[in-house]
Amino acid sequence: MGHNLTSITEFLLLGFPVGPRIQMLLFGLFSPFYVFTLLGNGTILGLISLDSRLHTPMYFFLSHLAVVDIAYACNTVPQMLVNLLHPAKPISFAGCMTQTFLFSTFAVTECLLLVVMCYDRYVAICHPLRYLAIMTWRVCITLAATSWATGVVLSLIHLVLLLPLPFCRPQKINHFFCEILAVLKLACADTHINENMVLAGAISGLVGPLSTIVVSYMCILCAILQIQSREGQRKAFSTCFSHLCVVGLFYGTAIIMYVGPRYGNPKEQKKYLLLFHSLFNPMLNPLIYSLRNSEVKNTLKRLLEVERALW
C-alpha cells in the first residue's frame, strides 16, 4: 500500500456512465435547468428587494433560501456541465475540497432555514396577535445568521477530518461532483470516524429538524381549522402548502441519501437522487413559491405593468 500512496493534486469525476451522444443530450437538457434555477431564484430576490410590501420576515427568510439555492446550483452544476463536454477534464484537489465544503455548508444552511421558515409560519398562524412582537428584525437576522454559521462550522468539522487522509490511485470519483462519501472511498486509511460523523450530522441535521417541522405543522393545522373565515383558511393553507412542498422535496431526497440504509440503494440510484437534490430542487423552489403565492404573483404583475408603461 505504501507504494500506491501519492500526493494527490487532482481528481477525475466519472459523472454519468453514458456514451458521448447521450452526454451531449444531457448537457443540452441540464443547461436550461441551470439557467432557469438562476433566473427563478434571481427573480424572487429581485421582487423581494424592489417591493416594500414584501419586506416581511417570511420573505426575508425566502430571500435567504433563494441565495442558498443559487449557491447550491453554482457549486455543482457548472462542473457537471464541463464534465459532460470534456469527460477527461480533472478537478484540482483544492477545488474538490472546496466543492465538498461548500455543498455541505449550503445543505446544512438550507435544512435550518426551512426550520426557521416553519417557525415563522407557526408564530404567524398560532400567535397572530403577538407576531410582530416575536418576529422582530433582530430575531430574524439572528435566526438567519445562526443558520449560516451552523452550516459553516459543521462543514469545517468534516473538512478538517477529511484533509489529513491519505489518498491512493486511481483518483477517480464515481460522482458528478466531489460528494463527501464518494471522496472518502478513495482514502487509503480507516474512514469510519468520517463516515460516522457524516451519519451523525445527517441525523441531527435532517431527522431532528424534520421532526420539529412535523410537530409545528400539527399545531398549525389545529390553528387553521379553528379559523372561522374560509378565505383565511385558504390563505393559510396556501402559504403552508408551498413550504411543505419544499420541505418534502429537500428532506425526502436528503434522508434517503444520508440516513437511509447504506446498502439498500445502488450507487447509481443515489447519484441520480443527489442530482435531483442539487439541480432540480433549487429550480423548483421558486416555482413552488411563486405559483402558490398571490403576493409574489401580484408584485410581478405590477412590475411588468410598470415596465410596459415605461416602454
C-alpha atoms as a PDB file:
ATOM      1  CA  MET A   1       0.000   0.000   0.000  1.00  0.00           C
ATOM      2  CA  GLY A   2       2.916   2.335   0.742  1.00  0.00           C
ATOM      3  CA  HIS A   3       3.975   2.294  -2.929  1.00  0.00           C
ATOM      4  CA  ASN A   4       0.494   3.346  -4.054  1.00  0.00           C
ATOM      5  CA  LEU A   5       0.332   6.409  -1.808  1.00  0.00           C
ATOM      6  CA  THR A   6       0.939   9.654  -3.645  1.00  0.00           C
ATOM      7  CA  SER A   7       0.475  13.364  -3.256  1.00  0.00           C
ATOM      8  CA  ILE A   8      -2.862  13.787  -4.980  1.00  0.00           C
ATOM      9  CA  THR A   9      -3.151  17.042  -6.909  1.00  0.00           C
ATOM     10  CA  GLU A  10      -6.344  16.350  -8.846  1.00  0.00           C
ATOM     11  CA  PHE A  11      -9.327  14.043  -9.153  1.00  0.00           C
ATOM     12  CA  LEU A  12     -11.282  12.756 -12.123  1.00  0.00           C
ATOM     13  CA  LEU A  13     -15.060  12.891 -11.830  1.00  0.00           C
ATOM     14  CA  LEU A  14     -16.607   9.918 -13.640  1.00  0.00           C
ATOM     15  CA  GLY A  15     -20.012  11.612 -13.894  1.00  0.00           C
ATOM     16  CA  PHE A  16     -22.586   9.581 -15.805  1.00  0.00           C
ATOM     17  CA  PRO A  17     -21.536   6.289 -17.477  1.00  0.00           C
ATOM     18  CA  VAL A  18     -23.071   7.007 -20.886  1.00  0.00           C
ATOM     19  CA  GLY A  19     -21.833   7.490 -24.433  1.00  0.00           C
ATOM     20  CA  PRO A  20     -20.732  10.821 -25.975  1.00  0.00           C
ATOM     21  CA  ARG A  21     -24.074  11.402 -27.715  1.00  0.00           C
ATOM     22  CA  ILE A  22     -26.042  10.901 -24.509  1.00  0.00           C
ATOM     23  CA  GLN A  23     -23.617  13.206 -22.708  1.00  0.00           C
ATOM     24  CA  MET A  24     -24.296  15.952 -25.239  1.00  0.00           C
ATOM     25  CA  LEU A  25     -28.024  15.326 -24.821  1.00  0.00           C
ATOM     26  CA  LEU A  26     -27.678  15.645 -21.039  1.00  0.00           C
ATOM     27  CA  PHE A  27     -25.689  18.845 -21.493  1.00  0.00           C
ATOM     28  CA  GLY A  28     -28.479  20.286 -23.622  1.00  0.00           C
ATOM     29  CA  LEU A  29     -31.050  19.177 -21.036  1.00  0.00           C
ATOM     30  CA  PHE A  30     -29.291  20.332 -17.862  1.00  0.00           C
ATOM     31  CA  SER A  31     -28.087  23.704 -19.191  1.00  0.00           C
ATOM     32  CA  PRO A  32     -31.611  25.227 -19.436  1.00  0.00           C
ATOM     33  CA  PHE A  33     -32.430  23.846 -15.982  1.00  0.00           C
ATOM     34  CA  TYR A  34     -29.360  25.614 -14.598  1.00  0.00           C
ATOM     35  CA  VAL A  35     -30.374  28.872 -16.317  1.00  0.00           C
ATOM     36  CA  PHE A  36     -33.959  28.538 -15.011  1.00  0.00           C
ATOM     37  CA  THR A  37     -32.592  27.998 -11.486  1.00  0.00           C
ATOM     38  CA  LEU A  38     -30.581  31.214 -11.629  1.00  0.00           C
ATOM     39  CA  LEU A  39     -33.404  33.189 -13.260  1.00  0.00           C
ATOM     40  CA  GLY A  40     -36.127  31.860 -10.948  1.00  0.00           C
ATOM     41  CA  ASN A  41     -34.268  32.465  -7.701  1.00  0.00           C
ATOM     42  CA  GLY A  42     -32.861  35.734  -9.017  1.00  0.00           C
ATOM     43  CA  THR A  43     -36.408  36.882  -9.808  1.00  0.00           C
ATOM     44  CA  ILE A  44     -37.528  36.020  -6.272  1.00  0.00           C
ATOM     45  CA  LEU A  45     -34.635  38.068  -4.852  1.00  0.00           C
ATOM     46  CA  GLY A  46     -35.384  40.959  -7.190  1.00  0.00           C
ATOM     47  CA  LEU A  47     -39.100  41.060  -6.360  1.00  0.00           C
ATOM     48  CA  ILE A  48     -38.449  40.964  -2.619  1.00  0.00           C
ATOM     49  CA  SER A  49     -35.871  43.749  -2.785  1.00  0.00           C
ATOM     50  CA  LEU A  50     -37.950  46.005  -5.063  1.00  0.00           C
ATOM     51  CA  ASP A  51     -41.358  45.753  -3.358  1.00  0.00           C
ATOM     52  CA  SER A  52     -41.506  47.147   0.183  1.00  0.00           C
ATOM     53  CA  ARG A  53     -44.690  45.148   0.786  1.00  0.00           C
ATOM     54  CA  LEU A  54     -42.562  42.008   0.704  1.00  0.00           C
ATOM     55  CA  HIS A  55     -40.177  43.306   3.372  1.00  0.00           C
ATOM     56  CA  THR A  56     -41.577  40.942   5.986  1.00  0.00           C
ATOM     57  CA  PRO A  57     -39.976  38.099   7.967  1.00  0.00           C
ATOM     58  CA  MET A  58     -41.445  35.405   5.696  1.00  0.00           C
ATOM     59  CA  TYR A  59     -39.927  36.927   2.554  1.00  0.00           C
ATOM     60  CA  PHE A  60     -36.711  37.768   4.386  1.00  0.00           C
ATOM     61  CA  PHE A  61     -36.183  34.055   5.012  1.00  0.00           C
ATOM     62  CA  LEU A  62     -37.364  33.232   1.490  1.00  0.00           C
ATOM     63  CA  SER A  63     -34.668  35.527   0.099  1.00  0.00           C
ATOM     64  CA  HIS A  64     -32.028  33.627   2.082  1.00  0.00           C
ATOM     65  CA  LEU A  65     -33.419  30.355   0.733  1.00  0.00           C
ATOM     66  CA  ALA A  66     -33.120  31.754  -2.809  1.00  0.00           C
ATOM     67  CA  VAL A  67     -29.470  32.706  -2.145  1.00  0.00           C
ATOM     68  CA  VAL A  68     -28.759  29.175  -0.887  1.00  0.00           C
ATOM     69  CA  ASP A  69     -30.416  27.640  -3.969  1.00  0.00           C
ATOM     70  CA  ILE A  70     -28.362  29.818  -6.322  1.00  0.00           C
ATOM     71  CA  ALA A  71     -25.174  28.913  -4.439  1.00  0.00           C
ATOM     72  CA  TYR A  72     -26.160  25.224  -4.461  1.00  0.00           C
ATOM     73  CA  ALA A  73     -26.505  25.202  -8.225  1.00  0.00           C
ATOM     74  CA  CYS A  74     -23.379  27.278  -8.868  1.00  0.00           C
ATOM     75  CA  ASN A  75     -21.302  24.960  -6.684  1.00  0.00           C
ATOM     76  CA  THR A  76     -22.052  21.693  -8.506  1.00  0.00           C
ATOM     77  CA  VAL A  77     -23.781  22.216 -11.855  1.00  0.00           C
ATOM     78  CA  PRO A  78     -21.041  24.120 -13.798  1.00  0.00           C
ATOM     79  CA  GLN A  79     -18.514  21.361 -13.029  1.00  0.00           C
ATOM     80  CA  MET A  80     -21.031  18.744 -14.109  1.00  0.00           C
ATOM     81  CA  LEU A  81     -21.659  20.557 -17.408  1.00  0.00           C
ATOM     82  CA  VAL A  82     -17.912  20.844 -18.036  1.00  0.00           C
ATOM     83  CA  ASN A  83     -17.520  17.113 -17.425  1.00  0.00           C
ATOM     84  CA  LEU A  84     -20.266  16.347 -19.920  1.00  0.00           C
ATOM     85  CA  LEU A  85     -18.399  18.303 -22.593  1.00  0.00           C
ATOM     86  CA  HIS A  86     -14.898  17.208 -21.541  1.00  0.00           C
ATOM     87  CA  PRO A  87     -15.152  13.889 -19.651  1.00  0.00           C
ATOM     88  CA  ALA A  88     -11.386  13.627 -19.144  1.00  0.00           C
ATOM     89  CA  LYS A  89     -11.007  17.103 -17.623  1.00  0.00           C
ATOM     90  CA  PRO A  90      -9.929  16.706 -13.948  1.00  0.00           C
ATOM     91  CA  ILE A  91     -10.716  18.860 -10.943  1.00  0.00           C
ATOM     92  CA  SER A  92      -7.907  20.036  -8.684  1.00  0.00           C
ATOM     93  CA  PHE A  93      -7.538  18.711  -5.145  1.00  0.00           C
ATOM     94  CA  ALA A  94      -8.175  22.190  -3.706  1.00  0.00           C
ATOM     95  CA  GLY A  95     -11.184  22.650  -5.966  1.00  0.00           C
ATOM     96  CA  CYS A  96     -12.597  19.286  -4.921  1.00  0.00           C
ATOM     97  CA  MET A  97     -12.193  20.007  -1.204  1.00  0.00           C
ATOM     98  CA  THR A  98     -13.774  23.441  -1.678  1.00  0.00           C
ATOM     99  CA  GLN A  99     -16.719  21.923  -3.508  1.00  0.00           C
ATOM    100  CA  THR A 100     -17.214  19.361  -0.731  1.00  0.00           C
ATOM    101  CA  PHE A 101     -17.090  22.058   1.938  1.00  0.00           C
ATOM    102  CA  LEU A 102     -19.498  24.403   0.137  1.00  0.00           C
ATOM    103  CA  PHE A 103     -22.022  21.676  -0.656  1.00  0.00           C
ATOM    104  CA  SER A 104     -22.159  20.646   2.993  1.00  0.00           C
ATOM    105  CA  THR A 105     -22.427  24.288   4.106  1.00  0.00           C
ATOM    106  CA  PHE A 106     -25.357  25.040   1.807  1.00  0.00           C
ATOM    107  CA  ALA A 107     -27.095  21.759   2.674  1.00  0.00           C
ATOM    108  CA  VAL A 108     -26.984  22.379   6.437  1.00  0.00           C
ATOM    109  CA  THR A 109     -27.954  26.032   5.990  1.00  0.00           C
ATOM    110  CA  GLU A 110     -30.994  25.108   3.905  1.00  0.00           C
ATOM    111  CA  CYS A 111     -32.052  22.499   6.477  1.00  0.00           C
ATOM    112  CA  LEU A 112     -32.040  25.128   9.218  1.00  0.00           C
ATOM    113  CA  LEU A 113     -33.643  27.840   7.071  1.00  0.00           C
ATOM    114  CA  LEU A 114     -36.585  25.534   6.381  1.00  0.00           C
ATOM    115  CA  VAL A 115     -36.997  25.040  10.141  1.00  0.00           C
ATOM    116  CA  VAL A 116     -36.806  28.805  10.698  1.00  0.00           C
ATOM    117  CA  MET A 117     -39.433  29.387   7.981  1.00  0.00           C
ATOM    118  CA  CYS A 118     -41.653  26.818   9.671  1.00  0.00           C
ATOM    119  CA  TYR A 119     -41.248  28.650  12.985  1.00  0.00           C
ATOM    120  CA  ASP A 120     -42.218  31.906  11.260  1.00  0.00           C
ATOM    121  CA  ARG A 121     -45.421  30.289   9.916  1.00  0.00           C
ATOM    122  CA  TYR A 122     -46.140  28.773  13.346  1.00  0.00           C
ATOM    123  CA  VAL A 123     -45.959  32.170  15.047  1.00  0.00           C
ATOM    124  CA  ALA A 124     -47.964  33.870  12.274  1.00  0.00           C
ATOM    125  CA  ILE A 125     -50.834  31.362  12.425  1.00  0.00           C
ATOM    126  CA  CYS A 126     -50.851  30.198  16.047  1.00  0.00           C
ATOM    127  CA  HIS A 127     -49.983  33.560  17.654  1.00  0.00           C
ATOM    128  CA  PRO A 128     -51.086  36.203  15.115  1.00  0.00           C
ATOM    129  CA  LEU A 129     -51.586  38.989  17.669  1.00  0.00           C
ATOM    130  CA  ARG A 130     -48.042  38.582  19.004  1.00  0.00           C
ATOM    131  CA  TYR A 131     -46.408  38.008  15.618  1.00  0.00           C
ATOM    132  CA  LEU A 132     -44.795  41.440  15.241  1.00  0.00           C
ATOM    133  CA  ALA A 133     -43.598  41.385  18.846  1.00  0.00           C
ATOM    134  CA  ILE A 134     -41.996  37.938  18.472  1.00  0.00           C
ATOM    135  CA  MET A 135     -40.634  38.085  14.910  1.00  0.00           C
ATOM    136  CA  THR A 136     -38.698  41.329  15.207  1.00  0.00           C
ATOM    137  CA  TRP A 137     -35.989  42.127  12.689  1.00  0.00           C
ATOM    138  CA  ARG A 138     -33.358  41.432  15.331  1.00  0.00           C
ATOM    139  CA  VAL A 139     -34.778  37.946  15.846  1.00  0.00           C
ATOM    140  CA  CYS A 140     -35.000  37.326  12.080  1.00  0.00           C
ATOM    141  CA  ILE A 141     -31.402  38.388  11.463  1.00  0.00           C
ATOM    142  CA  THR A 142     -30.210  36.275  14.399  1.00  0.00           C
ATOM    143  CA  LEU A 143     -32.044  33.181  13.129  1.00  0.00           C
ATOM    144  CA  ALA A 144     -30.709  33.610   9.579  1.00  0.00           C
ATOM    145  CA  ALA A 145     -27.146  34.276  10.770  1.00  0.00           C
ATOM    146  CA  THR A 146     -27.282  31.244  13.072  1.00  0.00           C
ATOM    147  CA  SER A 147     -28.375  29.038  10.163  1.00  0.00           C
ATOM    148  CA  TRP A 148     -25.443  30.186   8.022  1.00  0.00           C
ATOM    149  CA  ALA A 149     -22.920  29.998  10.873  1.00  0.00           C
ATOM    150  CA  THR A 150     -24.003  26.478  11.841  1.00  0.00           C
ATOM    151  CA  GLY A 151     -23.621  25.334   8.230  1.00  0.00           C
ATOM    152  CA  VAL A 152     -20.101  26.744   8.044  1.00  0.00           C
ATOM    153  CA  VAL A 153     -18.975  25.293  11.388  1.00  0.00           C
ATOM    154  CA  LEU A 154     -20.315  21.774  10.774  1.00  0.00           C
ATOM    155  CA  SER A 155     -18.800  21.732   7.276  1.00  0.00           C
ATOM    156  CA  LEU A 156     -15.439  22.838   8.662  1.00  0.00           C
ATOM    157  CA  ILE A 157     -15.502  19.849  11.034  1.00  0.00           C
ATOM    158  CA  HIS A 158     -15.996  17.458   8.105  1.00  0.00           C
ATOM    159  CA  LEU A 159     -13.266  19.223   6.116  1.00  0.00           C
ATOM    160  CA  VAL A 160     -10.767  19.099   9.000  1.00  0.00           C
ATOM    161  CA  LEU A 161     -11.359  15.348   9.318  1.00  0.00           C
ATOM    162  CA  LEU A 162     -11.088  14.836   5.545  1.00  0.00           C
ATOM    163  CA  LEU A 163      -7.925  16.786   4.709  1.00  0.00           C
ATOM    164  CA  PRO A 164      -5.394  14.663   6.692  1.00  0.00           C
ATOM    165  CA  LEU A 165      -6.481  11.421   4.990  1.00  0.00           C
ATOM    166  CA  PRO A 166      -4.040   9.862   2.501  1.00  0.00           C
ATOM    167  CA  PHE A 167      -5.450   9.104  -0.954  1.00  0.00           C
ATOM    168  CA  CYS A 168      -4.478   6.337  -3.352  1.00  0.00           C
ATOM    169  CA  ARG A 169      -4.508   5.928  -7.085  1.00  0.00           C
ATOM    170  CA  PRO A 170      -6.636   5.770  -9.134  1.00  0.00           C
ATOM    171  CA  GLN A 171      -8.142   9.084  -8.034  1.00  0.00           C
ATOM    172  CA  LYS A 172     -11.456   8.571  -9.850  1.00  0.00           C
ATOM    173  CA  ILE A 173     -14.589   9.773  -8.048  1.00  0.00           C
ATOM    174  CA  ASN A 174     -17.739   7.902  -9.037  1.00  0.00           C
ATOM    175  CA  HIS A 175     -19.900  11.007  -8.980  1.00  0.00           C
ATOM    176  CA  PHE A 176     -20.646  14.185 -10.925  1.00  0.00           C
ATOM    177  CA  PHE A 177     -19.158  16.370  -8.160  1.00  0.00           C
ATOM    178  CA  CYS A 178     -16.970  15.933  -5.076  1.00  0.00           C
ATOM    179  CA  GLU A 179     -19.575  14.465  -2.748  1.00  0.00           C
ATOM    180  CA  ILE A 180     -18.004  13.654   0.606  1.00  0.00           C
ATOM    181  CA  LEU A 181     -18.896   9.933   0.775  1.00  0.00           C
ATOM    182  CA  ALA A 182     -17.644   9.405  -2.788  1.00  0.00           C
ATOM    183  CA  VAL A 183     -14.361  11.155  -1.915  1.00  0.00           C
ATOM    184  CA  LEU A 184     -13.920   9.062   1.245  1.00  0.00           C
ATOM    185  CA  LYS A 185     -13.963   5.874  -0.842  1.00  0.00           C
ATOM    186  CA  LEU A 186     -10.582   6.887  -2.312  1.00  0.00           C
ATOM    187  CA  ALA A 187      -8.890   7.216   1.071  1.00  0.00           C
ATOM    188  CA  CYS A 188      -6.169   4.715   1.980  1.00  0.00           C
ATOM    189  CA  ALA A 189      -6.947   4.888   5.676  1.00  0.00           C
ATOM    190  CA  ASP A 190      -9.726   3.971   8.072  1.00  0.00           C
ATOM    191  CA  THR A 191     -12.632   6.333   7.363  1.00  0.00           C
ATOM    192  CA  HIS A 192     -15.091   5.054   9.969  1.00  0.00           C
ATOM    193  CA  ILE A 193     -14.785   8.259  12.001  1.00  0.00           C
ATOM    194  CA  ASN A 194     -15.515  10.374   8.914  1.00  0.00           C
ATOM    195  CA  GLU A 195     -18.470   8.215   7.871  1.00  0.00           C
ATOM    196  CA  ASN A 196     -19.905   8.186  11.387  1.00  0.00           C
ATOM    197  CA  MET A 197     -19.582  11.971  11.565  1.00  0.00           C
ATOM    198  CA  VAL A 198     -21.420  12.295   8.244  1.00  0.00           C
ATOM    199  CA  LEU A 199     -24.170   9.988   9.525  1.00  0.00           C
ATOM    200  CA  ALA A 200     -24.383  11.808  12.870  1.00  0.00           C
ATOM    201  CA  GLY A 201     -24.515  15.164  11.105  1.00  0.00           C
ATOM    202  CA  ALA A 202     -27.227  13.891   8.752  1.00  0.00           C
ATOM    203  CA  ILE A 203     -29.348  12.542  11.610  1.00  0.00           C
ATOM    204  CA  SER A 204     -29.018  15.717  13.690  1.00  0.00           C
ATOM    205  CA  GLY A 205     -29.397  18.000  10.646  1.00  0.00           C
ATOM    206  CA  LEU A 206     -32.238  16.131   8.943  1.00  0.00           C
ATOM    207  CA  VAL A 207     -34.219  13.911  11.307  1.00  0.00           C
ATOM    208  CA  GLY A 208     -34.193  16.386  14.197  1.00  0.00           C
ATOM    209  CA  PRO A 209     -35.302  19.437  12.175  1.00  0.00           C
ATOM    210  CA  LEU A 210     -37.853  17.386  10.213  1.00  0.00           C
ATOM    211  CA  SER A 211     -39.403  16.151  13.468  1.00  0.00           C
ATOM    212  CA  THR A 212     -39.612  19.758  14.650  1.00  0.00           C
ATOM    213  CA  ILE A 213     -41.320  20.768  11.404  1.00  0.00           C
ATOM    214  CA  VAL A 214     -43.848  17.912  11.658  1.00  0.00           C
ATOM    215  CA  VAL A 215     -44.781  18.830  15.249  1.00  0.00           C
ATOM    216  CA  SER A 216     -45.036  22.520  14.332  1.00  0.00           C
ATOM    217  CA  TYR A 217     -47.333  21.790  11.412  1.00  0.00           C
ATOM    218  CA  MET A 218     -49.579  19.666  13.593  1.00  0.00           C
ATOM    219  CA  CYS A 219     -50.056  22.737  15.781  1.00  0.00           C
ATOM    220  CA  ILE A 220     -50.503  24.912  12.687  1.00  0.00           C
ATOM    221  CA  LEU A 221     -53.160  22.553  11.289  1.00  0.00           C
ATOM    222  CA  CYS A 222     -55.138  22.704  14.526  1.00  0.00           C
ATOM    223  CA  ALA A 223     -54.934  26.505  14.476  1.00  0.00           C
ATOM    224  CA  ILE A 224     -56.045  26.711  10.830  1.00  0.00           C
ATOM    225  CA  LEU A 225     -59.081  24.510  11.468  1.00  0.00           C
ATOM    226  CA  GLN A 226     -60.164  26.956  14.182  1.00  0.00           C
ATOM    227  CA  ILE A 227     -60.152  29.917  11.767  1.00  0.00           C
ATOM    228  CA  GLN A 228     -63.755  30.936  11.095  1.00  0.00           C
ATOM    229  CA  SER A 229     -63.174  32.602   7.721  1.00  0.00           C
ATOM    230  CA  ARG A 230     -62.965  30.319   4.667  1.00  0.00           C
ATOM    231  CA  GLU A 231     -60.729  32.866   2.947  1.00  0.00           C
ATOM    232  CA  GLY A 232     -58.426  32.925   5.973  1.00  0.00           C
ATOM    233  CA  GLN A 233     -58.200  29.157   5.965  1.00  0.00           C
ATOM    234  CA  ARG A 234     -57.471  29.094   2.229  1.00  0.00           C
ATOM    235  CA  LYS A 235     -54.702  31.684   2.502  1.00  0.00           C
ATOM    236  CA  ALA A 236     -53.098  29.901   5.474  1.00  0.00           C
ATOM    237  CA  PHE A 237     -53.258  26.523   3.740  1.00  0.00           C
ATOM    238  CA  SER A 238     -51.794  28.008   0.546  1.00  0.00           C
ATOM    239  CA  THR A 239     -48.780  29.509   2.314  1.00  0.00           C
ATOM    240  CA  CYS A 240     -48.115  26.366   4.362  1.00  0.00           C
ATOM    241  CA  PHE A 241     -48.573  24.067   1.367  1.00  0.00           C
ATOM    242  CA  SER A 242     -45.790  25.855  -0.525  1.00  0.00           C
ATOM    243  CA  HIS A 243     -43.416  25.414   2.394  1.00  0.00           C
ATOM    244  CA  LEU A 244     -44.405  21.773   2.876  1.00  0.00           C
ATOM    245  CA  CYS A 245     -43.684  21.023  -0.796  1.00  0.00           C
ATOM    246  CA  VAL A 246     -40.177  22.436  -0.470  1.00  0.00           C
ATOM    247  CA  VAL A 247     -39.633  20.567   2.818  1.00  0.00           C
ATOM    248  CA  GLY A 248     -40.803  17.285   1.279  1.00  0.00           C
ATOM    249  CA  LEU A 249     -38.558  17.602  -1.771  1.00  0.00           C
ATOM    250  CA  PHE A 250     -35.470  18.619   0.200  1.00  0.00           C
ATOM    251  CA  TYR A 251     -35.707  16.351   3.227  1.00  0.00           C
ATOM    252  CA  GLY A 252     -37.042  13.359   1.280  1.00  0.00           C
ATOM    253  CA  THR A 253     -34.054  13.062  -1.057  1.00  0.00           C
ATOM    254  CA  ALA A 254     -31.527  14.032   1.626  1.00  0.00           C
ATOM    255  CA  ILE A 255     -32.746  11.439   4.137  1.00  0.00           C
ATOM    256  CA  ILE A 256     -32.664   8.676   1.516  1.00  0.00           C
ATOM    257  CA  MET A 257     -29.122   9.723   0.604  1.00  0.00           C
ATOM    258  CA  TYR A 258     -27.530  10.032   4.030  1.00  0.00           C
ATOM    259  CA  VAL A 259     -29.779   8.454   6.669  1.00  0.00           C
ATOM    260  CA  GLY A 260     -31.389   5.549   4.802  1.00  0.00           C
ATOM    261  CA  PRO A 261     -29.844   2.058   4.641  1.00  0.00           C
ATOM    262  CA  ARG A 262     -26.274   2.227   3.366  1.00  0.00           C
ATOM    263  CA  TYR A 263     -26.676  -0.832   1.156  1.00  0.00           C
ATOM    264  CA  GLY A 264     -30.318  -0.594   0.293  1.00  0.00           C
ATOM    265  CA  ASN A 265     -29.884   1.601  -2.793  1.00  0.00           C
ATOM    266  CA  PRO A 266     -27.466   1.119  -5.687  1.00  0.00           C
ATOM    267  CA  LYS A 267     -24.725   3.731  -6.009  1.00  0.00           C
ATOM    268  CA  GLU A 268     -26.023   4.925  -9.367  1.00  0.00           C
ATOM    269  CA  GLN A 269     -29.522   5.404  -7.948  1.00  0.00           C
ATOM    270  CA  LYS A 270     -28.156   7.558  -5.110  1.00  0.00           C
ATOM    271  CA  LYS A 271     -26.146   9.557  -7.634  1.00  0.00           C
ATOM    272  CA  TYR A 272     -29.299  10.423  -9.564  1.00  0.00           C
ATOM    273  CA  LEU A 273     -31.146  11.225  -6.348  1.00  0.00           C
ATOM    274  CA  LEU A 274     -28.414  13.705  -5.478  1.00  0.00           C
ATOM    275  CA  LEU A 275     -28.686  15.143  -8.985  1.00  0.00           C
ATOM    276  CA  PHE A 276     -32.357  15.832  -8.278  1.00  0.00           C
ATOM    277  CA  HIS A 277     -31.391  17.233  -4.870  1.00  0.00           C
ATOM    278  CA  SER A 278     -28.765  19.659  -6.175  1.00  0.00           C
ATOM    279  CA  LEU A 279     -30.211  20.619  -9.584  1.00  0.00           C
ATOM    280  CA  PHE A 280     -33.989  20.211  -9.645  1.00  0.00           C
ATOM    281  CA  ASN A 281     -34.801  21.228  -6.064  1.00  0.00           C
ATOM    282  CA  PRO A 282     -33.245  24.721  -6.449  1.00  0.00           C
ATOM    283  CA  MET A 283     -35.090  25.126  -9.763  1.00  0.00           C
ATOM    284  CA  LEU A 284     -38.459  24.009  -8.375  1.00  0.00           C
ATOM    285  CA  ASN A 285     -38.373  26.071  -5.166  1.00  0.00           C
ATOM    286  CA  PRO A 286     -39.040  29.490  -6.779  1.00  0.00           C
ATOM    287  CA  LEU A 287     -41.731  27.935  -8.997  1.00  0.00           C
ATOM    288  CA  ILE A 288     -43.495  26.449  -5.978  1.00  0.00           C
ATOM    289  CA  TYR A 289     -43.398  29.684  -4.012  1.00  0.00           C
ATOM    290  CA  SER A 290     -44.326  31.958  -6.924  1.00  0.00           C
ATOM    291  CA  LEU A 291     -47.143  29.791  -8.303  1.00  0.00           C
ATOM    292  CA  ARG A 292     -48.717  29.247  -4.882  1.00  0.00           C
ATOM    293  CA  ASN A 293     -48.161  32.772  -3.535  1.00  0.00           C
ATOM    294  CA  SER A 294     -50.540  35.526  -4.601  1.00  0.00           C
ATOM    295  CA  GLU A 295     -48.360  38.310  -3.152  1.00  0.00           C
ATOM    296  CA  VAL A 296     -45.371  37.283  -5.277  1.00  0.00           C
ATOM    297  CA  LYS A 297     -47.547  36.985  -8.390  1.00  0.00           C
ATOM    298  CA  ASN A 298     -49.161  40.373  -7.763  1.00  0.00           C
ATOM    299  CA  THR A 299     -45.769  42.014  -7.291  1.00  0.00           C
ATOM    300  CA  LEU A 300     -44.543  40.527 -10.562  1.00  0.00           C
ATOM    301  CA  LYS A 301     -47.672  41.748 -12.368  1.00  0.00           C
ATOM    302  CA  ARG A 302     -47.237  45.285 -11.018  1.00  0.00           C
ATOM    303  CA  LEU A 303     -43.598  45.406 -12.097  1.00  0.00           C
ATOM    304  CA  LEU A 304     -44.483  44.124 -15.572  1.00  0.00           C
ATOM    305  CA  GLU A 305     -47.215  46.752 -15.895  1.00  0.00           C
ATOM    306  CA  VAL A 306     -44.754  49.484 -14.879  1.00  0.00           C
ATOM    307  CA  GLU A 307     -42.259  48.139 -17.416  1.00  0.00           C
ATOM    308  CA  ARG A 308     -44.890  48.223 -20.178  1.00  0.00           C
ATOM    309  CA  ALA A 309     -45.895  51.767 -19.253  1.00  0.00           C
ATOM    310  CA  LEU A 310     -42.267  52.916 -19.495  1.00  0.00           C
ATOM    311  CA  TRP A 311     -41.930  51.399 -22.964  1.00  0.00           C
END
